[in-house]
Amino acid sequence: MKSSHVKKIGLGLFVAVAAFAGAASAVPRHHEYVIYYSDDTHTTAVGSYTSTCSGRFYQQGVVTPYAEVIIDQECRITSPEPWGSFPY
């Protein structure tokens, strides 16, 4: 009976660690803001893409090969997302 109880605790611990590892690997590593332009002169913006440290992403307009990365910062996992201070 005791052996069965130890196995259940071990299995529960394994599942908890695996779930935490999966969640940690899903956290974005960079906050990015990209602007897409209509051509290589980069004069007319036609779209944008934002990915946040919390895992949210937003895309607007058209994605083209003519892109400029405006923000590319490493995420600080322990800090909350700085709403209201974009760009940071």
C-alpha atoms as a PDB file:
ATOM      1  CA  MET A   1       0.000   0.000   0.000  1.00  0.00           C
ATOM      2  CA  LYS A   2       2.786   2.411   0.893  1.00  0.00           C
ATOM      3  CA  SER A   3       4.585   1.715  -2.404  1.00  0.00           C
ATOM      4  CA  SER A   4       1.426   2.570  -4.351  1.00  0.00           C
ATOM      5  CA  HIS A   5       1.090   5.852  -2.464  1.00  0.00           C
ATOM      6  CA  VAL A   6       4.722   6.783  -3.225  1.00  0.00           C
ATOM      7  CA  LYS A   7       4.185   5.991  -6.917  1.00  0.00           C
ATOM      8  CA  LYS A   8       1.115   8.257  -7.035  1.00  0.00           C
ATOM      9  CA  ILE A   9       3.036  11.113  -5.410  1.00  0.00           C
ATOM     10  CA  GLY A  10       5.933  10.587  -7.815  1.00  0.00           C
ATOM     11  CA  LEU A  11       3.587  10.563 -10.808  1.00  0.00           C
ATOM     12  CA  GLY A  12       1.827  13.721  -9.562  1.00  0.00           C
ATOM     13  CA  LEU A  13       5.150  15.475  -9.112  1.00  0.00           C
ATOM     14  CA  PHE A  14       6.262  14.434 -12.608  1.00  0.00           C
ATOM     15  CA  VAL A  15       3.044  15.776 -14.147  1.00  0.00           C
ATOM     16  CA  ALA A  16       3.369  19.078 -12.261  1.00  0.00           C
ATOM     17  CA  VAL A  17       6.987  19.567 -13.346  1.00  0.00           C
ATOM     18  CA  ALA A  18       6.162  18.668 -16.951  1.00  0.00           C
ATOM     19  CA  ALA A  19       3.252  21.133 -16.997  1.00  0.00           C
ATOM     20  CA  PHE A  20       5.441  23.906 -15.565  1.00  0.00           C
ATOM     21  CA  ALA A  21       8.209  23.190 -18.080  1.00  0.00           C
ATOM     22  CA  GLY A  22       5.714  23.313 -20.930  1.00  0.00           C
ATOM     23  CA  ALA A  23       4.298  26.627 -19.758  1.00  0.00           C
ATOM     24  CA  ALA A  24       7.750  28.126 -19.258  1.00  0.00           C
ATOM     25  CA  SER A  25       8.850  27.169 -22.751  1.00  0.00           C
ATOM     26  CA  ALA A  26       5.735  28.830 -24.210  1.00  0.00           C
ATOM     27  CA  VAL A  27       6.627  32.245 -22.756  1.00  0.00           C
ATOM     28  CA  PRO A  28       7.867  34.595 -25.504  1.00  0.00           C
ATOM     29  CA  ARG A  29      11.455  35.689 -25.241  1.00  0.00           C
ATOM     30  CA  HIS A  30      11.103  39.000 -27.086  1.00  0.00           C
ATOM     31  CA  HIS A  31       8.683  41.895 -27.295  1.00  0.00           C
ATOM     32  CA  GLU A  32       8.540  42.955 -30.936  1.00  0.00           C
ATOM     33  CA  TYR A  33       6.916  45.735 -32.911  1.00  0.00           C
ATOM     34  CA  VAL A  34       7.272  45.550 -36.690  1.00  0.00           C
ATOM     35  CA  ILE A  35       6.030  47.973 -39.351  1.00  0.00           C
ATOM     36  CA  TYR A  36       5.397  46.702 -42.889  1.00  0.00           C
ATOM     37  CA  TYR A  37       5.809  49.028 -45.876  1.00  0.00           C
ATOM     38  CA  SER A  38       4.419  48.920 -49.413  1.00  0.00           C
ATOM     39  CA  ASP A  39       7.870  48.844 -51.056  1.00  0.00           C
ATOM     40  CA  ASP A  40      11.595  49.050 -50.362  1.00  0.00           C
ATOM     41  CA  THR A  41      11.539  52.857 -49.983  1.00  0.00           C
ATOM     42  CA  HIS A  42       9.795  52.417 -46.589  1.00  0.00           C
ATOM     43  CA  THR A  43       7.665  55.540 -47.085  1.00  0.00           C
ATOM     44  CA  THR A  44       4.118  54.118 -46.935  1.00  0.00           C
ATOM     45  CA  ALA A  45       3.252  51.922 -43.958  1.00  0.00           C
ATOM     46  CA  VAL A  46       0.629  49.297 -44.832  1.00  0.00           C
ATOM     47  CA  GLY A  47       0.654  47.069 -41.743  1.00  0.00           C
ATOM     48  CA  SER A  48       2.104  46.287 -38.352  1.00  0.00           C
ATOM     49  CA  TYR A  49       2.704  43.357 -36.028  1.00  0.00           C
ATOM     50  CA  THR A  50       3.130  43.403 -32.270  1.00  0.00           C
ATOM     51  CA  SER A  51       4.005  40.478 -30.021  1.00  0.00           C
ATOM     52  CA  THR A  52       4.078  41.068 -26.289  1.00  0.00           C
ATOM     53  CA  CYS A  53       5.885  39.390 -23.442  1.00  0.00           C
ATOM     54  CA  SER A  54       2.586  38.061 -22.128  1.00  0.00           C
ATOM     55  CA  GLY A  55       2.122  36.006 -25.301  1.00  0.00           C
ATOM     56  CA  ARG A  56      -0.413  38.273 -26.961  1.00  0.00           C
ATOM     57  CA  PHE A  57       0.021  39.288 -30.567  1.00  0.00           C
ATOM     58  CA  TYR A  58      -1.698  41.800 -32.789  1.00  0.00           C
ATOM     59  CA  GLN A  59      -1.545  42.144 -36.548  1.00  0.00           C
ATOM     60  CA  GLN A  60      -3.028  44.972 -38.531  1.00  0.00           C
ATOM     61  CA  GLY A  61      -3.097  45.690 -42.252  1.00  0.00           C
ATOM     62  CA  VAL A  62      -0.895  43.882 -44.772  1.00  0.00           C
ATOM     63  CA  VAL A  63       2.271  41.873 -44.174  1.00  0.00           C
ATOM     64  CA  THR A  64       4.919  42.514 -46.845  1.00  0.00           C
ATOM     65  CA  PRO A  65       8.589  41.606 -47.281  1.00  0.00           C
ATOM     66  CA  TYR A  66       9.448  45.285 -46.640  1.00  0.00           C
ATOM     67  CA  ALA A  67       9.563  45.321 -42.870  1.00  0.00           C
ATOM     68  CA  GLU A  68      11.316  47.365 -40.235  1.00  0.00           C
ATOM     69  CA  VAL A  69      11.663  46.091 -36.678  1.00  0.00           C
ATOM     70  CA  ILE A  70      11.024  49.060 -34.423  1.00  0.00           C
ATOM     71  CA  ILE A  71      11.231  47.278 -31.064  1.00  0.00           C
ATOM     72  CA  ASP A  72      12.967  44.008 -30.280  1.00  0.00           C
ATOM     73  CA  GLN A  73      13.508  43.747 -26.539  1.00  0.00           C
ATOM     74  CA  GLU A  74      14.136  40.734 -24.390  1.00  0.00           C
ATOM     75  CA  CYS A  75      11.261  39.886 -22.070  1.00  0.00           C
ATOM     76  CA  ARG A  76      11.786  40.091 -18.338  1.00  0.00           C
ATOM     77  CA  ILE A  77       9.804  37.090 -17.151  1.00  0.00           C
ATOM     78  CA  THR A  78       9.363  38.376 -13.588  1.00  0.00           C
ATOM     79  CA  SER A  79       8.072  41.818 -14.625  1.00  0.00           C
ATOM     80  CA  PRO A  80       4.464  42.538 -15.544  1.00  0.00           C
ATOM     81  CA  GLU A  81       3.633  43.820 -18.990  1.00  0.00           C
ATOM     82  CA  PRO A  82       4.032  47.610 -18.974  1.00  0.00           C
ATOM     83  CA  TRP A  83       0.543  48.629 -20.169  1.00  0.00           C
ATOM     84  CA  GLY A  84       0.274  52.320 -20.774  1.00  0.00           C
ATOM     85  CA  SER A  85       3.966  52.864 -21.470  1.00  0.00           C
ATOM     86  CA  PHE A  86       4.205  51.515 -25.047  1.00  0.00           C
ATOM     87  CA  PRO A  87       6.761  51.610 -26.516  1.00  0.00           C
ATOM     88  CA  TYR A  88       9.006  50.807 -23.603  1.00  0.00           C
END
